[in-house]
Amino acid sequence: MPPKSKVTLRAQWLGQSLRDLRDETGMTLARAGEFLQRNAATVSRFEAGEHPIRPPALLALPRLYGGSDPRKRDGVPRPAVAAGL
């Protein structure tokens, strides 16, 4: 069995930001997963910081959750910022 990867504070913060946006819109994990073509468990792991979120998903989810409202979308960091670059 491979060693369990450590959850970073940055990943937890990013995941919590995404979850807060999703909760504000009342969207389910299942709907977010459908949008990303992933299952709800994967989206849950993104939000818990247990699974790395790739840049395309990181850009897509705030658009889904915030629509055209930049105040909602801009609360989530861009991939380069999230990666610490």
N, C-alpha and C. Protein backbone atom coordinates (compact mmCIF):
# COMPACT_ATOMS: atom_id res chain seq x y z
N MET A 1 0.84 -1.17 0.00
CA MET A 1 0.00 0.00 0.00
C MET A 1 0.89 1.24 0.00
N PRO A 2 0.64 2.19 -0.93
CA PRO A 2 1.49 3.38 -0.99
C PRO A 2 1.28 4.26 0.24
N PRO A 3 2.31 5.01 0.61
CA PRO A 3 2.17 5.89 1.77
C PRO A 3 1.12 6.96 1.51
N LYS A 4 0.39 7.31 2.53
CA LYS A 4 -0.65 8.33 2.41
C LYS A 4 0.02 9.70 2.26
N SER A 5 -0.47 10.47 1.26
CA SER A 5 0.11 11.79 1.06
C SER A 5 -0.39 12.75 2.13
N LYS A 6 0.41 13.72 2.44
CA LYS A 6 0.05 14.68 3.47
C LYS A 6 -0.83 15.77 2.88
N VAL A 7 -1.78 16.20 3.66
CA VAL A 7 -2.66 17.29 3.27
C VAL A 7 -1.98 18.59 3.67
N THR A 8 -1.79 19.48 2.72
CA THR A 8 -1.13 20.75 3.03
C THR A 8 -2.14 21.80 3.45
N LEU A 9 -1.68 22.77 4.16
CA LEU A 9 -2.53 23.87 4.59
C LEU A 9 -3.07 24.62 3.36
N ARG A 10 -2.23 24.80 2.36
CA ARG A 10 -2.65 25.48 1.13
C ARG A 10 -3.78 24.72 0.45
N ALA A 11 -3.65 23.39 0.36
CA ALA A 11 -4.69 22.58 -0.27
C ALA A 11 -5.99 22.66 0.53
N GLN A 12 -5.88 22.66 1.86
CA GLN A 12 -7.08 22.78 2.69
C GLN A 12 -7.75 24.13 2.49
N TRP A 13 -6.95 25.18 2.43
CA TRP A 13 -7.49 26.53 2.24
C TRP A 13 -8.19 26.65 0.90
N LEU A 14 -7.55 26.14 -0.14
CA LEU A 14 -8.13 26.20 -1.48
C LEU A 14 -9.42 25.38 -1.52
N GLY A 15 -9.40 24.19 -0.97
CA GLY A 15 -10.58 23.35 -0.95
C GLY A 15 -11.72 23.99 -0.18
N GLN A 16 -11.40 24.62 0.94
CA GLN A 16 -12.45 25.30 1.72
C GLN A 16 -13.03 26.46 0.94
N SER A 17 -12.20 27.18 0.20
CA SER A 17 -12.70 28.29 -0.63
C SER A 17 -13.68 27.77 -1.68
N LEU A 18 -13.32 26.65 -2.30
CA LEU A 18 -14.21 26.06 -3.30
C LEU A 18 -15.50 25.56 -2.67
N ARG A 19 -15.39 24.95 -1.50
CA ARG A 19 -16.60 24.45 -0.83
C ARG A 19 -17.51 25.60 -0.42
N ASP A 20 -16.92 26.68 0.09
CA ASP A 20 -17.73 27.84 0.47
C ASP A 20 -18.51 28.37 -0.72
N LEU A 21 -17.85 28.47 -1.88
CA LEU A 21 -18.54 28.93 -3.09
C LEU A 21 -19.67 27.97 -3.46
N ARG A 22 -19.39 26.68 -3.40
CA ARG A 22 -20.41 25.69 -3.76
C ARG A 22 -21.59 25.76 -2.81
N ASP A 23 -21.30 25.89 -1.52
CA ASP A 23 -22.37 25.98 -0.53
C ASP A 23 -23.23 27.23 -0.73
N GLU A 24 -22.59 28.35 -1.08
CA GLU A 24 -23.33 29.59 -1.31
C GLU A 24 -24.36 29.45 -2.43
N THR A 25 -24.02 28.66 -3.43
CA THR A 25 -24.93 28.48 -4.56
C THR A 25 -25.93 27.36 -4.34
N GLY A 26 -25.72 26.56 -3.29
CA GLY A 26 -26.62 25.45 -3.02
C GLY A 26 -26.41 24.27 -3.96
N MET A 27 -25.27 24.24 -4.61
CA MET A 27 -24.98 23.16 -5.55
C MET A 27 -24.51 21.91 -4.81
N THR A 28 -24.87 20.76 -5.33
CA THR A 28 -24.47 19.50 -4.71
C THR A 28 -23.11 19.06 -5.23
N LEU A 29 -22.48 18.17 -4.46
CA LEU A 29 -21.23 17.56 -4.91
C LEU A 29 -21.45 16.80 -6.21
N ALA A 30 -22.60 16.14 -6.30
CA ALA A 30 -22.89 15.35 -7.50
C ALA A 30 -22.95 16.23 -8.74
N ARG A 31 -23.58 17.41 -8.62
CA ARG A 31 -23.69 18.32 -9.79
C ARG A 31 -22.31 18.86 -10.17
N ALA A 32 -21.50 19.22 -9.18
CA ALA A 32 -20.15 19.72 -9.47
C ALA A 32 -19.32 18.61 -10.12
N GLY A 33 -19.46 17.39 -9.63
CA GLY A 33 -18.74 16.27 -10.21
C GLY A 33 -19.18 16.01 -11.63
N GLU A 34 -20.47 16.10 -11.88
CA GLU A 34 -20.99 15.91 -13.24
C GLU A 34 -20.40 16.94 -14.18
N PHE A 35 -20.32 18.19 -13.72
CA PHE A 35 -19.76 19.27 -14.52
C PHE A 35 -18.30 18.99 -14.89
N LEU A 36 -17.54 18.45 -13.93
CA LEU A 36 -16.12 18.15 -14.15
C LEU A 36 -15.88 16.78 -14.76
N GLN A 37 -16.95 16.01 -14.92
CA GLN A 37 -16.86 14.64 -15.39
C GLN A 37 -16.04 13.79 -14.41
N ARG A 38 -16.31 14.01 -13.14
CA ARG A 38 -15.72 13.27 -12.03
C ARG A 38 -16.86 12.85 -11.12
N ASN A 39 -16.58 11.98 -10.17
CA ASN A 39 -17.64 11.63 -9.24
C ASN A 39 -17.64 12.57 -8.04
N ALA A 40 -18.71 12.52 -7.27
CA ALA A 40 -18.86 13.41 -6.13
C ALA A 40 -17.75 13.21 -5.10
N ALA A 41 -17.28 11.98 -4.95
CA ALA A 41 -16.22 11.70 -3.98
C ALA A 41 -14.93 12.43 -4.35
N THR A 42 -14.64 12.54 -5.63
CA THR A 42 -13.44 13.25 -6.07
C THR A 42 -13.55 14.73 -5.73
N VAL A 43 -14.70 15.31 -6.00
CA VAL A 43 -14.90 16.73 -5.67
C VAL A 43 -14.78 16.93 -4.16
N SER A 44 -15.31 16.00 -3.39
CA SER A 44 -15.19 16.07 -1.93
C SER A 44 -13.72 16.04 -1.51
N ARG A 45 -12.93 15.20 -2.16
CA ARG A 45 -11.50 15.13 -1.83
C ARG A 45 -10.78 16.41 -2.24
N PHE A 46 -11.20 17.05 -3.35
CA PHE A 46 -10.64 18.36 -3.72
C PHE A 46 -10.90 19.34 -2.58
N GLU A 47 -12.15 19.36 -2.10
CA GLU A 47 -12.54 20.32 -1.07
C GLU A 47 -11.86 20.05 0.27
N ALA A 48 -11.53 18.80 0.54
CA ALA A 48 -10.85 18.46 1.79
C ALA A 48 -9.34 18.65 1.67
N GLY A 49 -8.86 18.92 0.47
CA GLY A 49 -7.42 19.09 0.26
C GLY A 49 -6.68 17.77 0.19
N GLU A 50 -7.42 16.67 0.05
CA GLU A 50 -6.81 15.34 0.04
C GLU A 50 -6.38 14.89 -1.35
N HIS A 51 -6.86 15.57 -2.36
CA HIS A 51 -6.56 15.19 -3.75
C HIS A 51 -6.21 16.47 -4.50
N PRO A 52 -5.09 16.49 -5.22
CA PRO A 52 -4.71 17.73 -5.91
C PRO A 52 -5.71 18.07 -7.01
N ILE A 53 -6.06 19.33 -7.08
CA ILE A 53 -6.96 19.79 -8.12
C ILE A 53 -6.13 20.36 -9.26
N ARG A 54 -6.42 19.93 -10.45
CA ARG A 54 -5.67 20.36 -11.63
C ARG A 54 -6.16 21.74 -12.10
N PRO A 55 -5.31 22.51 -12.76
CA PRO A 55 -5.69 23.85 -13.20
C PRO A 55 -7.00 23.93 -13.99
N PRO A 56 -7.29 23.03 -14.93
CA PRO A 56 -8.57 23.18 -15.64
C PRO A 56 -9.78 23.13 -14.70
N ALA A 57 -9.74 22.25 -13.71
CA ALA A 57 -10.85 22.17 -12.76
C ALA A 57 -10.87 23.39 -11.85
N LEU A 58 -9.69 23.87 -11.48
CA LEU A 58 -9.60 25.04 -10.62
C LEU A 58 -10.16 26.28 -11.32
N LEU A 59 -10.02 26.36 -12.60
CA LEU A 59 -10.59 27.47 -13.36
C LEU A 59 -12.07 27.28 -13.62
N ALA A 60 -12.50 26.03 -13.81
CA ALA A 60 -13.90 25.75 -14.17
C ALA A 60 -14.86 25.89 -12.99
N LEU A 61 -14.48 25.40 -11.82
CA LEU A 61 -15.41 25.40 -10.69
C LEU A 61 -15.86 26.79 -10.26
N PRO A 62 -14.97 27.76 -10.11
CA PRO A 62 -15.47 29.10 -9.75
C PRO A 62 -16.42 29.67 -10.79
N ARG A 63 -16.18 29.37 -12.07
CA ARG A 63 -17.11 29.82 -13.11
C ARG A 63 -18.47 29.17 -12.93
N LEU A 64 -18.47 27.88 -12.61
CA LEU A 64 -19.72 27.17 -12.39
C LEU A 64 -20.44 27.73 -11.16
N TYR A 65 -19.72 27.93 -10.09
CA TYR A 65 -20.31 28.39 -8.84
C TYR A 65 -20.68 29.87 -8.87
N GLY A 66 -19.84 30.68 -9.49
CA GLY A 66 -20.05 32.12 -9.45
C GLY A 66 -20.68 32.69 -10.70
N GLY A 67 -20.81 31.86 -11.73
CA GLY A 67 -21.37 32.35 -12.98
C GLY A 67 -20.58 33.52 -13.50
N SER A 68 -21.25 34.62 -13.76
CA SER A 68 -20.57 35.79 -14.31
C SER A 68 -20.22 36.81 -13.22
N ASP A 69 -20.46 36.47 -11.96
CA ASP A 69 -20.18 37.39 -10.86
C ASP A 69 -18.70 37.34 -10.48
N PRO A 70 -17.91 38.35 -10.87
CA PRO A 70 -16.47 38.32 -10.59
C PRO A 70 -16.16 38.35 -9.09
N ARG A 71 -17.06 38.88 -8.26
CA ARG A 71 -16.81 38.92 -6.82
C ARG A 71 -16.74 37.51 -6.25
N LYS A 72 -17.54 36.59 -6.79
CA LYS A 72 -17.49 35.21 -6.34
C LYS A 72 -16.30 34.47 -6.94
N ARG A 73 -16.09 34.67 -8.23
CA ARG A 73 -15.00 33.96 -8.92
C ARG A 73 -13.64 34.39 -8.41
N ASP A 74 -13.46 35.66 -8.12
CA ASP A 74 -12.14 36.17 -7.75
C ASP A 74 -11.71 35.77 -6.35
N GLY A 75 -12.58 35.15 -5.57
CA GLY A 75 -12.21 34.69 -4.24
C GLY A 75 -11.36 33.44 -4.25
N VAL A 76 -11.27 32.80 -5.41
CA VAL A 76 -10.49 31.57 -5.53
C VAL A 76 -9.23 31.90 -6.31
N PRO A 77 -8.07 31.51 -5.81
CA PRO A 77 -6.81 31.86 -6.47
C PRO A 77 -6.64 31.19 -7.83
N ARG A 78 -5.88 31.82 -8.66
CA ARG A 78 -5.54 31.26 -9.96
C ARG A 78 -4.55 30.11 -9.78
N PRO A 79 -4.44 29.21 -10.76
CA PRO A 79 -3.55 28.05 -10.61
C PRO A 79 -2.11 28.39 -10.24
N ALA A 80 -1.54 29.42 -10.83
CA ALA A 80 -0.14 29.75 -10.53
C ALA A 80 0.00 30.17 -9.07
N VAL A 81 -0.97 30.92 -8.58
CA VAL A 81 -0.94 31.36 -7.19
C VAL A 81 -1.12 30.15 -6.27
N ALA A 82 -2.08 29.29 -6.62
CA ALA A 82 -2.35 28.10 -5.80
C ALA A 82 -1.16 27.16 -5.76
N ALA A 83 -0.39 27.13 -6.85
CA ALA A 83 0.77 26.24 -6.91
C ALA A 83 1.99 26.85 -6.23
N GLY A 84 1.86 28.09 -5.78
CA GLY A 84 2.97 28.74 -5.10
C GLY A 84 4.01 29.30 -6.06
N LEU A 85 3.60 29.55 -7.31
CA LEU A 85 4.55 30.07 -8.30
C LEU A 85 4.54 31.58 -8.30
